[in-house]
Amino acid sequence: MINVNKTMALWIVAAGAHAVGWAAPPAPSPSAIDARVSDLVAKVKRTLVPMPAGSFDMGDWGTDAGHYWDIDTYSRPLHKVTLDGFSIMAYKVTFEDFDVFTDATGNERINMHPGFIHQRAPKRAAGVSWYGAQAYCSWLGKMTHLSFDLPTEAQWEYAARSGGRRVLFGTDNGKIDRSRNYPADWVHGEAEPPLPDVGSFPPNPAGIYGMTENASEWVRDWFDPEYYKVSPEYDPTGPATGKTKVQRGSVGGRPEIGAMVFMRGDDVPQTLRPTVPNGGGKGFVMIPFPGYSGHNTSHFRCAVAAEGAH
């Protein structure tokens, strides 16, 4: 659970630290944008990882002693899923990538508010709302003439598990080895280090980077804690409607539990933040982030269906 008062205090401090001298960047020229779009499209095509069609048991399979890892039961029951082939981005979308999209479409750059601009770095994974992630993947589809979309929850887990292997973490060896394939631990109460650039640690055996990190990734599905009880076997896409969208990766807490490949989280698709109400007074209200901006730990990558897939 988010400590909103602490979050509010940190936001106010950050805003004060970065408000002086802050200004929006100058608008790039159309020719420069075209070149950046072309470079981005080439990079995306070059780094797509194909995932062959296959079946796997999706969800929390439990321990040898018969206990489950996910005490909230969101990741149960274990159920068979069969997927058509697809490809998925080897890397999360970075701020640098997302800036190409917003500059090309005339939208404001994400997280440029004085309270959040310190989170930005070119090679760092972009923190966006679900709507921002969906818009980027749809735009990329138009630029490439491929059927890009956010991965489904099932596709994400299948890719994190390198084709559905029974591994607890989407790392190179299925484990968390601090400082080698996962960021070093830090002491709570001290300043939390910035998130690493994408590709800072080894990929999983399928060649996909950052599937286990102290952050989450948006997927296409609406969230329903009971969905696994009714999920179809073939290419499940989640409930038809909902209030929140599924996030995969880390659901919070110690990553040795919260970042297991089957753990499920959720958040509202239009990210909210706390702010003091107009006119002052006690308390705070939750308001949407501007544009496509979002929490610095809400990341994403896109997927594309294999040619000939249903």
Foldseek 3Di string as FASTA:
>chain_A
DDPQVVQAVLLVVQLVVQVPPADADDQDDPVVLVVLLVVLLVVQVVQKFKFAWDKAFFFFPDDPVPHTLDPVLLRDDTDMATEHIWIWGLKFQALLNLVSVCSNVVHGRAQSRSSRPVLHDGQAFAFWFLVSQQVSQVVSCVSNVFAKGFAALVVLLCVLCVRHPPAFGSWQVSADDDPAAADHDDDPPDDDDHDDGWPPHAGHPSNHTDLAYQFKEFGQEADDSCVVVPADRYRGRYDPDHQWTKIAAAQDDDSNRRRTSNHIDIDGRFAWGWDADPPGDDDTDIDGRPDGYHDSRYIGIMMTGDPPGD
